[in-house]
Amino acid sequence: MLNEFFTGVLLKQRGLDIRKEIFRKSIHLCTAFVPFFLARFYFTTLWLLMLCLVFYCIFEFLRLGGKKVPFISAITAAAARKRDENKFVMGPVTLVLGIISAAILWKQIPAAVGIYALGFGDGLASLVGKLCGRIRIPFTNGKTVAGSLACFAAVFISSLLMLHSVSAALVIGFAAMAIELLPLKDFDNLFIPVLTGGLAQFILA
């Protein structure tokens, strides 16, 4: 009876973790729309991203001070992982900073490659790892083989569509997978778009 109780608790917690991960990574996947707007409204898009970042930081400090902001606080709570409880949730900050940095540092196509690597590669890696991951990779803070392969596949396909080069897409796909494997926590949101975008620009040079 006790075993059944604990099994039920674990299954319920796993279901909650998966729902949170799906919600979090749906935000990641939405970043794939950013290159479209950057290509057409570059400065406006950058300013809006910066504005969102400032407002998010203000709302987070208010939340930590016990003042809930309607809708925004609910989204943050829904997306927060266990390690983020009662802390400033850094994920959205590094996500936006990664996108802005890639857009400023690199040309349009390399920047798009980096942002797609963040949106599709990092987004699907964690989601697939949670849903299908069975084999964990040592010294990676719980990363799985399934998640890493999903990251590689997603970045390879998106880079191939942008660069029309199998060899370039393979290099960028492997680079994104290697970065995603590192135990960077939320800072992979910053490193993946900047480094893969820079690699794409180097290849195109």
C-alpha atoms as a PDB file:
ATOM      1  CA  MET A   1       0.000   0.000   0.000  1.00  0.00           C
ATOM      2  CA  LEU A   2       2.817   2.384   0.932  1.00  0.00           C
ATOM      3  CA  ASN A   3       4.680   1.531  -2.266  1.00  0.00           C
ATOM      4  CA  GLU A   4       1.582   2.316  -4.317  1.00  0.00           C
ATOM      5  CA  PHE A   5       1.234   5.665  -2.553  1.00  0.00           C
ATOM      6  CA  PHE A   6       4.837   6.685  -3.263  1.00  0.00           C
ATOM      7  CA  THR A   7       4.567   5.438  -6.844  1.00  0.00           C
ATOM      8  CA  GLY A   8       1.475   7.582  -7.313  1.00  0.00           C
ATOM      9  CA  VAL A   9       3.237  10.628  -5.867  1.00  0.00           C
ATOM     10  CA  LEU A  10       6.248  10.109  -8.160  1.00  0.00           C
ATOM     11  CA  LEU A  11       4.042   9.699 -11.223  1.00  0.00           C
ATOM     12  CA  LYS A  12       2.087  12.830 -10.337  1.00  0.00           C
ATOM     13  CA  GLN A  13       5.325  14.800  -9.879  1.00  0.00           C
ATOM     14  CA  ARG A  14       6.675  13.479 -13.184  1.00  0.00           C
ATOM     15  CA  GLY A  15       3.470  14.536 -14.937  1.00  0.00           C
ATOM     16  CA  LEU A  16       3.776  18.021 -13.422  1.00  0.00           C
ATOM     17  CA  ASP A  17       7.439  18.266 -14.471  1.00  0.00           C
ATOM     18  CA  ILE A  18       6.583  17.254 -18.032  1.00  0.00           C
ATOM     19  CA  ARG A  19       3.750  19.810 -18.250  1.00  0.00           C
ATOM     20  CA  LYS A  20       6.098  22.513 -16.987  1.00  0.00           C
ATOM     21  CA  GLU A  21       8.748  21.453 -19.518  1.00  0.00           C
ATOM     22  CA  ILE A  22       6.250  21.528 -22.385  1.00  0.00           C
ATOM     23  CA  PHE A  23       5.154  25.017 -21.344  1.00  0.00           C
ATOM     24  CA  ARG A  24       8.757  26.258 -20.956  1.00  0.00           C
ATOM     25  CA  LYS A  25       9.904  24.835 -24.267  1.00  0.00           C
ATOM     26  CA  SER A  26       6.861  26.184 -26.107  1.00  0.00           C
ATOM     27  CA  ILE A  27       8.278  29.613 -25.179  1.00  0.00           C
ATOM     28  CA  HIS A  28      11.633  28.505 -26.611  1.00  0.00           C
ATOM     29  CA  LEU A  29       9.984  27.380 -29.833  1.00  0.00           C
ATOM     30  CA  CYS A  30       8.253  30.752 -30.181  1.00  0.00           C
ATOM     31  CA  THR A  31      11.685  32.383 -30.545  1.00  0.00           C
ATOM     32  CA  ALA A  32      11.797  30.842 -34.023  1.00  0.00           C
ATOM     33  CA  PHE A  33       9.500  33.688 -35.144  1.00  0.00           C
ATOM     34  CA  VAL A  34      12.052  36.333 -34.142  1.00  0.00           C
ATOM     35  CA  PRO A  35      14.260  36.128 -37.302  1.00  0.00           C
ATOM     36  CA  PHE A  36      11.166  36.877 -39.412  1.00  0.00           C
ATOM     37  CA  PHE A  37      10.589  40.139 -37.532  1.00  0.00           C
ATOM     38  CA  LEU A  38      14.296  41.003 -37.392  1.00  0.00           C
ATOM     39  CA  ALA A  39      14.502  40.732 -41.176  1.00  0.00           C
ATOM     40  CA  ARG A  40      11.631  43.196 -41.616  1.00  0.00           C
ATOM     41  CA  PHE A  41      11.666  45.432 -38.520  1.00  0.00           C
ATOM     42  CA  TYR A  42      15.205  45.063 -37.172  1.00  0.00           C
ATOM     43  CA  PHE A  43      15.477  48.004 -34.764  1.00  0.00           C
ATOM     44  CA  THR A  44      11.833  47.860 -33.689  1.00  0.00           C
ATOM     45  CA  THR A  45      12.193  44.163 -32.852  1.00  0.00           C
ATOM     46  CA  LEU A  46      15.384  44.785 -30.859  1.00  0.00           C
ATOM     47  CA  TRP A  47      13.788  47.606 -28.890  1.00  0.00           C
ATOM     48  CA  LEU A  48      10.719  45.495 -28.141  1.00  0.00           C
ATOM     49  CA  LEU A  49      12.903  42.622 -26.951  1.00  0.00           C
ATOM     50  CA  MET A  50      14.862  44.974 -24.679  1.00  0.00           C
ATOM     51  CA  LEU A  51      11.624  46.446 -23.362  1.00  0.00           C
ATOM     52  CA  CYS A  52      10.271  42.969 -22.618  1.00  0.00           C
ATOM     53  CA  LEU A  53      13.488  42.174 -20.767  1.00  0.00           C
ATOM     54  CA  VAL A  54      13.263  45.306 -18.602  1.00  0.00           C
ATOM     55  CA  PHE A  55       9.603  44.715 -17.754  1.00  0.00           C
ATOM     56  CA  TYR A  56      10.239  41.060 -16.985  1.00  0.00           C
ATOM     57  CA  CYS A  57      13.021  41.963 -14.524  1.00  0.00           C
ATOM     58  CA  ILE A  58      10.755  44.504 -12.819  1.00  0.00           C
ATOM     59  CA  PHE A  59       7.929  41.968 -12.551  1.00  0.00           C
ATOM     60  CA  GLU A  60      10.290  39.309 -11.165  1.00  0.00           C
ATOM     61  CA  PHE A  61      11.580  41.623  -8.450  1.00  0.00           C
ATOM     62  CA  LEU A  62       7.980  42.496  -7.571  1.00  0.00           C
ATOM     63  CA  ARG A  63       7.099  38.788  -7.439  1.00  0.00           C
ATOM     64  CA  LEU A  64      10.039  38.045  -5.153  1.00  0.00           C
ATOM     65  CA  GLY A  65       8.876  40.895  -2.940  1.00  0.00           C
ATOM     66  CA  GLY A  66       5.492  39.236  -2.571  1.00  0.00           C
ATOM     67  CA  LYS A  67       3.627  41.448  -5.050  1.00  0.00           C
ATOM     68  CA  LYS A  68       2.074  39.332  -7.762  1.00  0.00           C
ATOM     69  CA  VAL A  69       1.540  40.851 -11.186  1.00  0.00           C
ATOM     70  CA  PRO A  70      -1.584  39.508 -12.928  1.00  0.00           C
ATOM     71  CA  PHE A  71      -0.877  37.135 -15.827  1.00  0.00           C
ATOM     72  CA  ILE A  72       2.930  37.668 -15.755  1.00  0.00           C
ATOM     73  CA  SER A  73       3.431  36.087 -12.332  1.00  0.00           C
ATOM     74  CA  ALA A  74       1.194  33.188 -13.335  1.00  0.00           C
ATOM     75  CA  ILE A  75       3.308  32.539 -16.439  1.00  0.00           C
ATOM     76  CA  THR A  76       6.532  32.678 -14.426  1.00  0.00           C
ATOM     77  CA  ALA A  77       5.150  30.274 -11.821  1.00  0.00           C
ATOM     78  CA  ALA A  78       3.942  27.880 -14.518  1.00  0.00           C
ATOM     79  CA  ALA A  79       7.340  27.843 -16.221  1.00  0.00           C
ATOM     80  CA  ALA A  80       9.555  27.787 -13.105  1.00  0.00           C
ATOM     81  CA  ARG A  81      11.452  24.597 -12.336  1.00  0.00           C
ATOM     82  CA  LYS A  82      12.054  23.221  -8.859  1.00  0.00           C
ATOM     83  CA  ARG A  83      15.535  24.771  -8.733  1.00  0.00           C
ATOM     84  CA  ASP A  84      13.956  28.185  -9.477  1.00  0.00           C
ATOM     85  CA  GLU A  85      11.549  28.169  -6.532  1.00  0.00           C
ATOM     86  CA  ASN A  86      11.802  31.362  -4.442  1.00  0.00           C
ATOM     87  CA  LYS A  87      14.533  32.649  -6.755  1.00  0.00           C
ATOM     88  CA  PHE A  88      14.799  35.095  -9.634  1.00  0.00           C
ATOM     89  CA  VAL A  89      13.976  32.972 -12.707  1.00  0.00           C
ATOM     90  CA  MET A  90      16.895  33.615 -15.059  1.00  0.00           C
ATOM     91  CA  GLY A  91      15.724  31.569 -18.039  1.00  0.00           C
ATOM     92  CA  PRO A  92      13.756  34.328 -19.819  1.00  0.00           C
ATOM     93  CA  VAL A  93      16.591  36.826 -19.196  1.00  0.00           C
ATOM     94  CA  THR A  94      19.288  34.660 -20.802  1.00  0.00           C
ATOM     95  CA  LEU A  95      16.855  33.697 -23.570  1.00  0.00           C
ATOM     96  CA  VAL A  96      16.244  37.301 -24.605  1.00  0.00           C
ATOM     97  CA  LEU A  97      19.903  38.281 -24.110  1.00  0.00           C
ATOM     98  CA  GLY A  98      20.970  35.392 -26.326  1.00  0.00           C
ATOM     99  CA  ILE A  99      18.624  36.491 -29.108  1.00  0.00           C
ATOM    100  CA  ILE A 100      19.623  40.153 -28.837  1.00  0.00           C
ATOM    101  CA  SER A 101      23.336  39.313 -28.759  1.00  0.00           C
ATOM    102  CA  ALA A 102      23.111  37.092 -31.842  1.00  0.00           C
ATOM    103  CA  ALA A 103      21.104  39.745 -33.715  1.00  0.00           C
ATOM    104  CA  ILE A 104      23.616  42.494 -32.889  1.00  0.00           C
ATOM    105  CA  LEU A 105      26.837  40.508 -33.339  1.00  0.00           C
ATOM    106  CA  TRP A 106      26.109  38.619 -36.535  1.00  0.00           C
ATOM    107  CA  LYS A 107      24.647  39.249 -39.978  1.00  0.00           C
ATOM    108  CA  GLN A 108      21.057  38.369 -40.726  1.00  0.00           C
ATOM    109  CA  ILE A 109      21.442  34.745 -41.862  1.00  0.00           C
ATOM    110  CA  PRO A 110      24.046  33.674 -39.241  1.00  0.00           C
ATOM    111  CA  ALA A 111      21.975  35.380 -36.534  1.00  0.00           C
ATOM    112  CA  ALA A 112      18.907  33.467 -37.723  1.00  0.00           C
ATOM    113  CA  VAL A 113      20.897  30.205 -37.644  1.00  0.00           C
ATOM    114  CA  GLY A 114      21.838  30.913 -34.016  1.00  0.00           C
ATOM    115  CA  ILE A 115      18.316  31.871 -32.972  1.00  0.00           C
ATOM    116  CA  TYR A 116      16.861  28.779 -34.661  1.00  0.00           C
ATOM    117  CA  ALA A 117      19.471  26.661 -32.866  1.00  0.00           C
ATOM    118  CA  LEU A 118      18.206  28.121 -29.592  1.00  0.00           C
ATOM    119  CA  GLY A 119      14.520  27.785 -30.432  1.00  0.00           C
ATOM    120  CA  PHE A 120      14.495  24.357 -32.051  1.00  0.00           C
ATOM    121  CA  GLY A 121      17.689  22.711 -30.805  1.00  0.00           C
ATOM    122  CA  ASP A 122      17.708  23.654 -27.136  1.00  0.00           C
ATOM    123  CA  GLY A 123      13.918  23.651 -26.985  1.00  0.00           C
ATOM    124  CA  LEU A 124      13.472  20.131 -28.343  1.00  0.00           C
ATOM    125  CA  ALA A 125      16.514  18.684 -26.542  1.00  0.00           C
ATOM    126  CA  SER A 126      15.034  19.203 -23.098  1.00  0.00           C
ATOM    127  CA  LEU A 127      11.517  18.244 -24.138  1.00  0.00           C
ATOM    128  CA  VAL A 128      12.544  15.005 -25.886  1.00  0.00           C
ATOM    129  CA  GLY A 129      14.917  14.226 -23.038  1.00  0.00           C
ATOM    130  CA  LYS A 130      12.080  14.514 -20.512  1.00  0.00           C
ATOM    131  CA  LEU A 131       9.595  12.515 -22.586  1.00  0.00           C
ATOM    132  CA  CYS A 132      11.802   9.842 -24.154  1.00  0.00           C
ATOM    133  CA  GLY A 133      15.201  10.043 -22.487  1.00  0.00           C
ATOM    134  CA  ARG A 134      16.273   6.788 -20.855  1.00  0.00           C
ATOM    135  CA  ILE A 135      20.058   6.763 -21.254  1.00  0.00           C
ATOM    136  CA  ARG A 136      21.745   9.571 -19.334  1.00  0.00           C
ATOM    137  CA  ILE A 137      25.120  10.974 -20.354  1.00  0.00           C
ATOM    138  CA  PRO A 138      27.666  11.080 -17.500  1.00  0.00           C
ATOM    139  CA  PHE A 139      28.907  14.456 -16.190  1.00  0.00           C
ATOM    140  CA  THR A 140      26.188  16.451 -18.000  1.00  0.00           C
ATOM    141  CA  ASN A 141      23.822  17.111 -15.101  1.00  0.00           C
ATOM    142  CA  GLY A 142      21.193  14.643 -16.309  1.00  0.00           C
ATOM    143  CA  LYS A 143      21.266  15.242 -20.084  1.00  0.00           C
ATOM    144  CA  THR A 144      20.107  12.269 -22.169  1.00  0.00           C
ATOM    145  CA  VAL A 145      21.167  10.653 -25.440  1.00  0.00           C
ATOM    146  CA  ALA A 146      17.670  11.156 -26.873  1.00  0.00           C
ATOM    147  CA  GLY A 147      17.689  14.857 -25.995  1.00  0.00           C
ATOM    148  CA  SER A 148      21.142  15.412 -27.497  1.00  0.00           C
ATOM    149  CA  LEU A 149      20.191  13.627 -30.729  1.00  0.00           C
ATOM    150  CA  ALA A 150      17.010  15.719 -30.932  1.00  0.00           C
ATOM    151  CA  CYS A 151      19.109  18.872 -30.517  1.00  0.00           C
ATOM    152  CA  PHE A 152      21.503  17.807 -33.268  1.00  0.00           C
ATOM    153  CA  ALA A 153      18.695  16.849 -35.669  1.00  0.00           C
ATOM    154  CA  ALA A 154      16.754  20.074 -35.116  1.00  0.00           C
ATOM    155  CA  VAL A 155      19.793  22.332 -35.549  1.00  0.00           C
ATOM    156  CA  PHE A 156      21.043  20.339 -38.553  1.00  0.00           C
ATOM    157  CA  ILE A 157      17.704  20.684 -40.369  1.00  0.00           C
ATOM    158  CA  SER A 158      17.200  24.381 -39.548  1.00  0.00           C
ATOM    159  CA  SER A 159      20.817  25.211 -40.498  1.00  0.00           C
ATOM    160  CA  LEU A 160      20.544  23.223 -43.725  1.00  0.00           C
ATOM    161  CA  LEU A 161      17.421  25.158 -44.714  1.00  0.00           C
ATOM    162  CA  MET A 162      19.222  28.452 -44.040  1.00  0.00           C
ATOM    163  CA  LEU A 163      22.693  27.689 -45.419  1.00  0.00           C
ATOM    164  CA  HIS A 164      21.951  25.043 -48.089  1.00  0.00           C
ATOM    165  CA  SER A 165      25.147  23.212 -47.142  1.00  0.00           C
ATOM    166  CA  VAL A 166      25.166  19.736 -45.611  1.00  0.00           C
ATOM    167  CA  SER A 167      28.711  20.068 -44.291  1.00  0.00           C
ATOM    168  CA  ALA A 168      28.023  23.457 -42.664  1.00  0.00           C
ATOM    169  CA  ALA A 169      24.782  22.163 -41.147  1.00  0.00           C
ATOM    170  CA  LEU A 170      26.605  19.114 -39.749  1.00  0.00           C
ATOM    171  CA  VAL A 171      29.285  21.283 -38.117  1.00  0.00           C
ATOM    172  CA  ILE A 172      26.731  23.656 -36.588  1.00  0.00           C
ATOM    173  CA  GLY A 173      24.524  20.761 -35.479  1.00  0.00           C
ATOM    174  CA  PHE A 174      27.417  19.073 -33.671  1.00  0.00           C
ATOM    175  CA  ALA A 175      28.497  22.396 -32.135  1.00  0.00           C
ATOM    176  CA  ALA A 176      24.997  23.092 -30.800  1.00  0.00           C
ATOM    177  CA  MET A 177      24.759  19.567 -29.404  1.00  0.00           C
ATOM    178  CA  ALA A 178      28.143  19.947 -27.674  1.00  0.00           C
ATOM    179  CA  ILE A 179      27.159  23.290 -26.110  1.00  0.00           C
ATOM    180  CA  GLU A 180      23.779  21.929 -25.003  1.00  0.00           C
ATOM    181  CA  LEU A 181      25.545  19.025 -23.269  1.00  0.00           C
ATOM    182  CA  LEU A 182      27.511  21.357 -21.027  1.00  0.00           C
ATOM    183  CA  PRO A 183      25.992  21.867 -17.538  1.00  0.00           C
ATOM    184  CA  LEU A 184      25.386  25.586 -18.156  1.00  0.00           C
ATOM    185  CA  LYS A 185      21.886  25.672 -16.641  1.00  0.00           C
ATOM    186  CA  ASP A 186      20.032  28.710 -18.045  1.00  0.00           C
ATOM    187  CA  PHE A 187      23.158  30.161 -19.664  1.00  0.00           C
ATOM    188  CA  ASP A 188      22.919  27.772 -22.602  1.00  0.00           C
ATOM    189  CA  ASN A 189      20.224  30.211 -23.789  1.00  0.00           C
ATOM    190  CA  LEU A 190      23.013  32.756 -24.196  1.00  0.00           C
ATOM    191  CA  PHE A 191      25.839  30.594 -25.511  1.00  0.00           C
ATOM    192  CA  ILE A 192      23.927  28.545 -28.094  1.00  0.00           C
ATOM    193  CA  PRO A 193      22.682  31.414 -30.325  1.00  0.00           C
ATOM    194  CA  VAL A 194      25.881  33.455 -29.989  1.00  0.00           C
ATOM    195  CA  LEU A 195      28.340  30.620 -30.655  1.00  0.00           C
ATOM    196  CA  THR A 196      26.374  28.810 -33.371  1.00  0.00           C
ATOM    197  CA  GLY A 197      25.591  32.132 -35.054  1.00  0.00           C
ATOM    198  CA  GLY A 198      29.271  33.077 -34.933  1.00  0.00           C
ATOM    199  CA  LEU A 199      30.206  29.690 -36.376  1.00  0.00           C
ATOM    200  CA  ALA A 200      27.704  30.177 -39.207  1.00  0.00           C
ATOM    201  CA  GLN A 201      29.155  33.616 -39.976  1.00  0.00           C
ATOM    202  CA  PHE A 202      32.697  32.179 -39.980  1.00  0.00           C
ATOM    203  CA  ILE A 203      31.617  29.433 -42.407  1.00  0.00           C
ATOM    204  CA  LEU A 204      29.903  31.926 -44.714  1.00  0.00           C
ATOM    205  CA  ALA A 205      32.881  34.327 -44.717  1.00  0.00           C
END
